[in-house]
Amino acid sequence: MDAKAETSEILLTVVIPALNEEQYIGRTLEHLLKQKTKLVFGKDWEIIVADGGSTDKTVEISKSYGARIAHENTHTIAAGRDAGVKISKGKYIVFTDADVIPDEFWLQNMYDNLSSGKYVAVVGKILPLEGTLSEKILTEILNIISIVLNSVGINMAYGNNMGVVREYYDKIGGFNIHLVTSEDTNLIKRLSKVGKVKYDSKCKVSVSMRRVRKWGVIKFFFFHFTNFFNEYLFNKPYDKYEPVR
């Protein structure tokens, strides 16, 4: 990034937590840089990869795409996301994961919502990346549940497809970095107390199905569905999460 870009006002930051994601992160970053948006990379928006101590080429690959690196050693995804926010320059922060392919208008749609002044956060729609029929049915069920719950003020969020206004993120103290799971639900739940959260189906990302294929559709759905309500109703999300690489 040149000196002129450094002095420009960064409007939006994309934060991606990662740990040993060399097989996937290059593709994610490539699609981010091909976004159809009025924002100019390096001038108006930036990418931060929050690395949790990768021993592969995750950091090297990320830097080759112009991403800045935040380092964290807590090894929770919440800590990774928060570490990225702490070094970010954007007024608006959007979160995704290292194995996600964003829709080509994802960044612009996120920015339009967050910069409108109407919302403190935005959550979007997930699609299966190269999904089977059962995986497409699973994600569609999750999206329908999200639409219904959000319509009645119960905000269901996905950490790989959400955005926040930095001012309000700071106001509530950001992510609870000690949570192993459901850090996204916890954050959005607290943000909803200080402003309006919008569900926008135009903010779409395609998500790797590697976890679904490792666990199976039924286990995956049951885990995440029950965990959402454990956090939302009882503030007691699961404290263990099997990593899948």
C-alpha atoms as a PDB file:
ATOM      1  CA  MET A   1       0.000   0.000   0.000  1.00  0.00           C
ATOM      2  CA  ASP A   2       1.518   3.348  -0.976  1.00  0.00           C
ATOM      3  CA  ALA A   3       1.861   6.433   1.230  1.00  0.00           C
ATOM      4  CA  LYS A   4      -1.092   8.153  -0.395  1.00  0.00           C
ATOM      5  CA  ALA A   5      -3.382   5.235   0.383  1.00  0.00           C
ATOM      6  CA  GLU A   6      -2.154   5.159   3.962  1.00  0.00           C
ATOM      7  CA  THR A   7      -3.344   8.722   4.510  1.00  0.00           C
ATOM      8  CA  SER A   8      -6.731   8.147   2.863  1.00  0.00           C
ATOM      9  CA  GLU A   9      -9.814   7.600   4.966  1.00  0.00           C
ATOM     10  CA  ILE A  10     -10.632   3.923   5.253  1.00  0.00           C
ATOM     11  CA  LEU A  11     -14.393   3.535   5.285  1.00  0.00           C
ATOM     12  CA  LEU A  12     -14.709  -0.211   5.645  1.00  0.00           C
ATOM     13  CA  THR A  13     -12.610  -3.081   6.969  1.00  0.00           C
ATOM     14  CA  VAL A  14     -13.075  -6.771   6.199  1.00  0.00           C
ATOM     15  CA  VAL A  15     -11.885  -8.975   9.077  1.00  0.00           C
ATOM     16  CA  ILE A  16     -11.092 -12.650   8.454  1.00  0.00           C
ATOM     17  CA  PRO A  17      -9.965 -14.914  11.325  1.00  0.00           C
ATOM     18  CA  ALA A  18      -7.700 -17.722  10.160  1.00  0.00           C
ATOM     19  CA  LEU A  19      -5.605 -20.625  11.384  1.00  0.00           C
ATOM     20  CA  ASN A  20      -3.775 -22.844   8.908  1.00  0.00           C
ATOM     21  CA  GLU A  21      -6.081 -21.971   6.017  1.00  0.00           C
ATOM     22  CA  GLU A  22      -3.584 -22.022   3.143  1.00  0.00           C
ATOM     23  CA  GLN A  23      -5.850 -24.269   1.069  1.00  0.00           C
ATOM     24  CA  TYR A  24      -8.758 -21.818   1.120  1.00  0.00           C
ATOM     25  CA  ILE A  25      -7.802 -18.265   1.993  1.00  0.00           C
ATOM     26  CA  GLY A  26      -6.300 -17.323  -1.370  1.00  0.00           C
ATOM     27  CA  ARG A  27      -9.593 -18.036  -3.121  1.00  0.00           C
ATOM     28  CA  THR A  28     -11.523 -15.998  -0.554  1.00  0.00           C
ATOM     29  CA  LEU A  29      -9.193 -13.021  -0.882  1.00  0.00           C
ATOM     30  CA  GLU A  30      -9.241 -13.228  -4.676  1.00  0.00           C
ATOM     31  CA  HIS A  31     -13.037 -12.987  -4.704  1.00  0.00           C
ATOM     32  CA  LEU A  32     -12.958 -10.095  -2.263  1.00  0.00           C
ATOM     33  CA  LEU A  33     -10.624  -8.135  -4.520  1.00  0.00           C
ATOM     34  CA  LYS A  34     -12.966  -8.770  -7.477  1.00  0.00           C
ATOM     35  CA  GLN A  35     -15.983  -7.267  -5.712  1.00  0.00           C
ATOM     36  CA  LYS A  36     -18.216  -4.994  -7.772  1.00  0.00           C
ATOM     37  CA  THR A  37     -18.132  -1.948  -5.553  1.00  0.00           C
ATOM     38  CA  LYS A  38     -17.563   1.779  -5.739  1.00  0.00           C
ATOM     39  CA  LEU A  39     -15.061   1.421  -2.916  1.00  0.00           C
ATOM     40  CA  VAL A  40     -11.395   1.279  -3.920  1.00  0.00           C
ATOM     41  CA  PHE A  41      -9.193  -1.270  -2.177  1.00  0.00           C
ATOM     42  CA  GLY A  42      -6.366   0.369  -0.235  1.00  0.00           C
ATOM     43  CA  LYS A  43      -8.048   3.766  -0.439  1.00  0.00           C
ATOM     44  CA  ASP A  44     -11.585   3.212   0.853  1.00  0.00           C
ATOM     45  CA  TRP A  45     -11.417  -0.293   2.268  1.00  0.00           C
ATOM     46  CA  GLU A  46      -8.952  -2.799   3.649  1.00  0.00           C
ATOM     47  CA  ILE A  47      -8.616  -6.465   4.528  1.00  0.00           C
ATOM     48  CA  ILE A  48      -7.274  -7.731   7.837  1.00  0.00           C
ATOM     49  CA  VAL A  49      -6.497 -11.398   8.351  1.00  0.00           C
ATOM     50  CA  ALA A  50      -6.425 -12.207  12.060  1.00  0.00           C
ATOM     51  CA  ASP A  51      -3.998 -15.093  12.305  1.00  0.00           C
ATOM     52  CA  GLY A  52      -4.139 -17.429  15.270  1.00  0.00           C
ATOM     53  CA  GLY A  53      -0.583 -18.731  14.926  1.00  0.00           C
ATOM     54  CA  SER A  54      -0.639 -20.514  11.576  1.00  0.00           C
ATOM     55  CA  THR A  55       2.253 -22.848  10.803  1.00  0.00           C
ATOM     56  CA  ASP A  56       1.478 -23.042   7.087  1.00  0.00           C
ATOM     57  CA  LYS A  57       1.484 -20.328   4.406  1.00  0.00           C
ATOM     58  CA  THR A  58      -1.709 -18.555   5.543  1.00  0.00           C
ATOM     59  CA  VAL A  59       0.088 -15.325   6.474  1.00  0.00           C
ATOM     60  CA  GLU A  60       2.303 -15.341   3.389  1.00  0.00           C
ATOM     61  CA  ILE A  61      -0.664 -15.849   1.069  1.00  0.00           C
ATOM     62  CA  SER A  62      -2.711 -13.176   2.852  1.00  0.00           C
ATOM     63  CA  LYS A  63       0.054 -10.594   2.521  1.00  0.00           C
ATOM     64  CA  SER A  64       0.396 -11.366  -1.189  1.00  0.00           C
ATOM     65  CA  TYR A  65      -3.203 -10.173  -1.642  1.00  0.00           C
ATOM     66  CA  GLY A  66      -2.563  -6.936   0.239  1.00  0.00           C
ATOM     67  CA  ALA A  67      -4.098  -7.959   3.565  1.00  0.00           C
ATOM     68  CA  ARG A  68      -2.773  -6.625   6.830  1.00  0.00           C
ATOM     69  CA  ILE A  69      -2.146  -9.174   9.577  1.00  0.00           C
ATOM     70  CA  ALA A  70      -3.367  -9.125  13.161  1.00  0.00           C
ATOM     71  CA  HIS A  71      -1.791 -11.698  15.458  1.00  0.00           C
ATOM     72  CA  GLU A  72      -3.603 -13.287  18.388  1.00  0.00           C
ATOM     73  CA  ASN A  73      -2.766 -16.210  20.670  1.00  0.00           C
ATOM     74  CA  THR A  74      -6.019 -16.822  22.528  1.00  0.00           C
ATOM     75  CA  HIS A  75      -7.141 -19.307  19.878  1.00  0.00           C
ATOM     76  CA  THR A  76     -10.840 -18.510  19.960  1.00  0.00           C
ATOM     77  CA  ILE A  77     -12.503 -17.209  16.831  1.00  0.00           C
ATOM     78  CA  ALA A  78     -13.941 -14.378  18.928  1.00  0.00           C
ATOM     79  CA  ALA A  79     -10.432 -13.284  19.913  1.00  0.00           C
ATOM     80  CA  GLY A  80      -9.362 -13.449  16.292  1.00  0.00           C
ATOM     81  CA  ARG A  81     -12.211 -11.282  15.099  1.00  0.00           C
ATOM     82  CA  ASP A  82     -11.594  -8.805  17.925  1.00  0.00           C
ATOM     83  CA  ALA A  83      -7.858  -8.654  17.214  1.00  0.00           C
ATOM     84  CA  GLY A  84      -8.687  -7.729  13.634  1.00  0.00           C
ATOM     85  CA  VAL A  85     -11.031  -4.970  14.736  1.00  0.00           C
ATOM     86  CA  LYS A  86      -8.433  -3.529  17.102  1.00  0.00           C
ATOM     87  CA  ILE A  87      -5.996  -2.712  14.298  1.00  0.00           C
ATOM     88  CA  SER A  88      -8.699  -1.808  11.771  1.00  0.00           C
ATOM     89  CA  LYS A  89      -9.171   1.680  10.333  1.00  0.00           C
ATOM     90  CA  GLY A  90     -12.711   1.395   9.015  1.00  0.00           C
ATOM     91  CA  LYS A  91     -15.833   3.124  10.283  1.00  0.00           C
ATOM     92  CA  TYR A  92     -17.647  -0.060   9.383  1.00  0.00           C
ATOM     93  CA  ILE A  93     -16.419  -3.594   9.990  1.00  0.00           C
ATOM     94  CA  VAL A  94     -17.609  -6.653   8.096  1.00  0.00           C
ATOM     95  CA  PHE A  95     -16.726 -10.202   9.038  1.00  0.00           C
ATOM     96  CA  THR A  96     -16.298 -13.324   6.985  1.00  0.00           C
ATOM     97  CA  ASP A  97     -14.229 -16.522   7.118  1.00  0.00           C
ATOM     98  CA  ALA A  98     -11.228 -17.883   5.264  1.00  0.00           C
ATOM     99  CA  ASP A  99     -13.223 -20.514   3.374  1.00  0.00           C
ATOM    100  CA  VAL A 100     -16.089 -18.303   2.178  1.00  0.00           C
ATOM    101  CA  ILE A 101     -16.859 -16.947  -1.279  1.00  0.00           C
ATOM    102  CA  PRO A 102     -18.764 -13.650  -1.100  1.00  0.00           C
ATOM    103  CA  ASP A 103     -21.351 -12.674  -3.665  1.00  0.00           C
ATOM    104  CA  GLU A 104     -19.885 -10.132  -6.091  1.00  0.00           C
ATOM    105  CA  PHE A 105     -22.009  -7.315  -4.623  1.00  0.00           C
ATOM    106  CA  TRP A 106     -21.572  -8.406  -0.995  1.00  0.00           C
ATOM    107  CA  LEU A 107     -19.184  -5.631   0.003  1.00  0.00           C
ATOM    108  CA  GLN A 108     -21.227  -2.831  -1.573  1.00  0.00           C
ATOM    109  CA  ASN A 109     -24.473  -4.117  -0.076  1.00  0.00           C
ATOM    110  CA  MET A 110     -22.877  -4.329   3.353  1.00  0.00           C
ATOM    111  CA  TYR A 111     -21.493  -0.817   3.028  1.00  0.00           C
ATOM    112  CA  ASP A 112     -24.795   0.646   1.821  1.00  0.00           C
ATOM    113  CA  ASN A 113     -26.606  -0.777   4.848  1.00  0.00           C
ATOM    114  CA  LEU A 114     -24.017   0.173   7.436  1.00  0.00           C
ATOM    115  CA  SER A 115     -23.416   3.678   6.102  1.00  0.00           C
ATOM    116  CA  SER A 116     -27.142   4.475   5.905  1.00  0.00           C
ATOM    117  CA  GLY A 117     -27.215   5.516   9.558  1.00  0.00           C
ATOM    118  CA  LYS A 118     -30.251   3.301  10.182  1.00  0.00           C
ATOM    119  CA  TYR A 119     -28.568   0.222  11.619  1.00  0.00           C
ATOM    120  CA  VAL A 120     -25.922  -0.766  14.135  1.00  0.00           C
ATOM    121  CA  ALA A 121     -25.363  -4.114  12.423  1.00  0.00           C
ATOM    122  CA  VAL A 122     -26.321  -6.151   9.368  1.00  0.00           C
ATOM    123  CA  VAL A 123     -26.576  -9.917   9.007  1.00  0.00           C
ATOM    124  CA  GLY A 124     -26.868 -11.737   5.711  1.00  0.00           C
ATOM    125  CA  LYS A 125     -27.738 -14.946   3.917  1.00  0.00           C
ATOM    126  CA  ILE A 126     -25.613 -18.071   3.565  1.00  0.00           C
ATOM    127  CA  LEU A 127     -25.454 -20.430   0.607  1.00  0.00           C
ATOM    128  CA  PRO A 128     -23.629 -23.773   0.311  1.00  0.00           C
ATOM    129  CA  LEU A 129     -20.435 -23.658  -1.720  1.00  0.00           C
ATOM    130  CA  GLU A 130     -20.622 -26.493  -4.259  1.00  0.00           C
ATOM    131  CA  GLY A 131     -23.421 -27.907  -2.146  1.00  0.00           C
ATOM    132  CA  THR A 132     -25.280 -31.187  -2.469  1.00  0.00           C
ATOM    133  CA  LEU A 133     -29.067 -31.302  -2.390  1.00  0.00           C
ATOM    134  CA  SER A 134     -29.143 -32.016   1.361  1.00  0.00           C
ATOM    135  CA  GLU A 135     -26.706 -29.168   2.005  1.00  0.00           C
ATOM    136  CA  LYS A 136     -28.820 -26.781  -0.045  1.00  0.00           C
ATOM    137  CA  ILE A 137     -31.895 -27.828   1.920  1.00  0.00           C
ATOM    138  CA  LEU A 138     -30.010 -27.349   5.217  1.00  0.00           C
ATOM    139  CA  THR A 139     -28.850 -23.828   4.413  1.00  0.00           C
ATOM    140  CA  GLU A 140     -32.271 -22.870   3.064  1.00  0.00           C
ATOM    141  CA  ILE A 141     -33.867 -24.027   6.314  1.00  0.00           C
ATOM    142  CA  LEU A 142     -31.336 -21.956   8.269  1.00  0.00           C
ATOM    143  CA  ASN A 143     -32.063 -18.922   6.092  1.00  0.00           C
ATOM    144  CA  ILE A 144     -35.821 -19.285   6.557  1.00  0.00           C
ATOM    145  CA  ILE A 145     -35.316 -19.553  10.316  1.00  0.00           C
ATOM    146  CA  SER A 146     -33.148 -16.423  10.192  1.00  0.00           C
ATOM    147  CA  ILE A 147     -35.792 -14.472   8.282  1.00  0.00           C
ATOM    148  CA  VAL A 148     -38.548 -15.496  10.694  1.00  0.00           C
ATOM    149  CA  LEU A 149     -36.529 -14.850  13.846  1.00  0.00           C
ATOM    150  CA  ASN A 150     -35.171 -11.520  12.646  1.00  0.00           C
ATOM    151  CA  SER A 151     -38.679 -10.402  11.695  1.00  0.00           C
ATOM    152  CA  VAL A 152     -39.721 -10.718  15.346  1.00  0.00           C
ATOM    153  CA  GLY A 153     -36.597  -9.098  16.737  1.00  0.00           C
ATOM    154  CA  ILE A 154     -34.599 -12.239  17.513  1.00  0.00           C
ATOM    155  CA  ASN A 155     -31.421 -11.697  15.554  1.00  0.00           C
ATOM    156  CA  MET A 156     -29.799 -14.840  14.188  1.00  0.00           C
ATOM    157  CA  ALA A 157     -26.338 -14.057  12.882  1.00  0.00           C
ATOM    158  CA  TYR A 158     -23.537 -15.868  11.102  1.00  0.00           C
ATOM    159  CA  GLY A 159     -20.003 -14.772  11.936  1.00  0.00           C
ATOM    160  CA  ASN A 160     -18.999 -15.340   8.330  1.00  0.00           C
ATOM    161  CA  ASN A 161     -21.572 -12.857   7.035  1.00  0.00           C
ATOM    162  CA  MET A 162     -22.221  -9.892   9.276  1.00  0.00           C
ATOM    163  CA  GLY A 163     -21.228  -6.266   9.575  1.00  0.00           C
ATOM    164  CA  VAL A 164     -21.172  -3.699  12.364  1.00  0.00           C
ATOM    165  CA  VAL A 165     -20.825   0.030  12.802  1.00  0.00           C
ATOM    166  CA  ARG A 166     -17.496   0.441  14.598  1.00  0.00           C
ATOM    167  CA  GLU A 167     -18.840   3.132  16.928  1.00  0.00           C
ATOM    168  CA  TYR A 168     -21.414   0.753  18.381  1.00  0.00           C
ATOM    169  CA  TYR A 169     -19.064  -2.208  18.411  1.00  0.00           C
ATOM    170  CA  ASP A 170     -16.758  -0.183  20.660  1.00  0.00           C
ATOM    171  CA  LYS A 171     -19.676   1.064  22.730  1.00  0.00           C
ATOM    172  CA  ILE A 172     -20.701  -2.440  23.807  1.00  0.00           C
ATOM    173  CA  GLY A 173     -17.125  -3.652  24.281  1.00  0.00           C
ATOM    174  CA  GLY A 174     -16.850  -5.795  21.157  1.00  0.00           C
ATOM    175  CA  PHE A 175     -16.730  -9.575  21.101  1.00  0.00           C
ATOM    176  CA  ASN A 176     -16.567 -11.601  24.268  1.00  0.00           C
ATOM    177  CA  ILE A 177     -13.168 -13.117  23.452  1.00  0.00           C
ATOM    178  CA  HIS A 178     -13.608 -15.914  25.990  1.00  0.00           C
ATOM    179  CA  LEU A 179     -16.494 -17.531  24.106  1.00  0.00           C
ATOM    180  CA  VAL A 180     -15.546 -20.637  22.160  1.00  0.00           C
ATOM    181  CA  THR A 181     -18.825 -20.709  20.220  1.00  0.00           C
ATOM    182  CA  SER A 182     -21.752 -18.376  19.488  1.00  0.00           C
ATOM    183  CA  GLU A 183     -19.623 -15.230  19.676  1.00  0.00           C
ATOM    184  CA  ASP A 184     -21.578 -13.906  16.696  1.00  0.00           C
ATOM    185  CA  THR A 185     -24.983 -14.365  18.370  1.00  0.00           C
ATOM    186  CA  ASN A 186     -23.682 -12.858  21.595  1.00  0.00           C
ATOM    187  CA  LEU A 187     -22.366  -9.765  19.803  1.00  0.00           C
ATOM    188  CA  ILE A 188     -25.493  -9.172  17.729  1.00  0.00           C
ATOM    189  CA  LYS A 189     -27.725  -9.734  20.735  1.00  0.00           C
ATOM    190  CA  ARG A 190     -25.892  -7.001  22.642  1.00  0.00           C
ATOM    191  CA  LEU A 191     -25.834  -4.680  19.650  1.00  0.00           C
ATOM    192  CA  SER A 192     -29.601  -5.039  19.251  1.00  0.00           C
ATOM    193  CA  LYS A 193     -29.980  -3.340  22.627  1.00  0.00           C
ATOM    194  CA  VAL A 194     -28.376  -0.127  21.353  1.00  0.00           C
ATOM    195  CA  GLY A 195     -29.860   0.020  17.862  1.00  0.00           C
ATOM    196  CA  LYS A 196     -31.524  -1.790  14.973  1.00  0.00           C
ATOM    197  CA  VAL A 197     -30.054  -4.894  13.374  1.00  0.00           C
ATOM    198  CA  LYS A 198     -31.025  -5.564   9.756  1.00  0.00           C
ATOM    199  CA  TYR A 199     -31.294  -8.903   7.998  1.00  0.00           C
ATOM    200  CA  ASP A 200     -30.549  -8.411   4.306  1.00  0.00           C
ATOM    201  CA  SER A 201     -30.792 -11.409   1.981  1.00  0.00           C
ATOM    202  CA  LYS A 202     -28.872  -9.450  -0.678  1.00  0.00           C
ATOM    203  CA  CYS A 203     -25.764  -9.762   1.484  1.00  0.00           C
ATOM    204  CA  LYS A 204     -24.921 -13.304   0.382  1.00  0.00           C
ATOM    205  CA  VAL A 205     -21.912 -15.530   0.901  1.00  0.00           C
ATOM    206  CA  SER A 206     -21.256 -19.124  -0.142  1.00  0.00           C
ATOM    207  CA  VAL A 207     -19.840 -21.174   2.703  1.00  0.00           C
ATOM    208  CA  SER A 208     -17.598 -24.236   2.544  1.00  0.00           C
ATOM    209  CA  MET A 209     -19.455 -27.409   3.469  1.00  0.00           C
ATOM    210  CA  ARG A 210     -16.371 -29.126   4.921  1.00  0.00           C
ATOM    211  CA  ARG A 211     -17.770 -28.968   8.472  1.00  0.00           C
ATOM    212  CA  VAL A 212     -21.147 -30.294   7.385  1.00  0.00           C
ATOM    213  CA  ARG A 213     -19.462 -33.162   5.545  1.00  0.00           C
ATOM    214  CA  LYS A 214     -17.250 -33.984   8.521  1.00  0.00           C
ATOM    215  CA  TRP A 215     -20.093 -33.925  11.066  1.00  0.00           C
ATOM    216  CA  GLY A 216     -23.068 -34.893   8.924  1.00  0.00           C
ATOM    217  CA  VAL A 217     -26.113 -32.710   8.201  1.00  0.00           C
ATOM    218  CA  ILE A 218     -28.136 -33.759  11.256  1.00  0.00           C
ATOM    219  CA  LYS A 219     -25.331 -33.225  13.789  1.00  0.00           C
ATOM    220  CA  PHE A 220     -24.382 -29.890  12.225  1.00  0.00           C
ATOM    221  CA  PHE A 221     -27.935 -28.568  12.222  1.00  0.00           C
ATOM    222  CA  PHE A 222     -28.684 -29.765  15.770  1.00  0.00           C
ATOM    223  CA  PHE A 223     -25.453 -28.346  17.169  1.00  0.00           C
ATOM    224  CA  HIS A 224     -25.865 -24.868  15.723  1.00  0.00           C
ATOM    225  CA  PHE A 225     -29.606 -24.611  16.232  1.00  0.00           C
ATOM    226  CA  THR A 226     -29.470 -25.622  19.905  1.00  0.00           C
ATOM    227  CA  ASN A 227     -26.351 -23.546  20.487  1.00  0.00           C
ATOM    228  CA  PHE A 228     -28.092 -20.442  19.166  1.00  0.00           C
ATOM    229  CA  PHE A 229     -30.879 -20.781  21.723  1.00  0.00           C
ATOM    230  CA  ASN A 230     -28.459 -21.770  24.490  1.00  0.00           C
ATOM    231  CA  GLU A 231     -26.758 -18.423  23.997  1.00  0.00           C
ATOM    232  CA  TYR A 232     -29.780 -16.309  23.159  1.00  0.00           C
ATOM    233  CA  LEU A 233     -31.988 -17.510  26.009  1.00  0.00           C
ATOM    234  CA  PHE A 234     -29.578 -18.704  28.678  1.00  0.00           C
ATOM    235  CA  ASN A 235     -26.193 -17.079  27.907  1.00  0.00           C
ATOM    236  CA  LYS A 236     -24.631 -20.547  27.954  1.00  0.00           C
ATOM    237  CA  PRO A 237     -23.240 -21.527  24.545  1.00  0.00           C
ATOM    238  CA  TYR A 238     -21.202 -24.681  24.110  1.00  0.00           C
ATOM    239  CA  ASP A 239     -17.632 -24.339  25.357  1.00  0.00           C
ATOM    240  CA  LYS A 240     -16.158 -26.893  22.959  1.00  0.00           C
ATOM    241  CA  TYR A 241     -15.961 -26.846  19.170  1.00  0.00           C
ATOM    242  CA  GLU A 242     -14.249 -29.471  17.053  1.00  0.00           C
ATOM    243  CA  PRO A 243     -11.918 -27.739  14.561  1.00  0.00           C
ATOM    244  CA  VAL A 244     -12.096 -28.858  10.940  1.00  0.00           C
ATOM    245  CA  ARG A 245      -9.240 -28.058   8.600  1.00  0.00           C
END
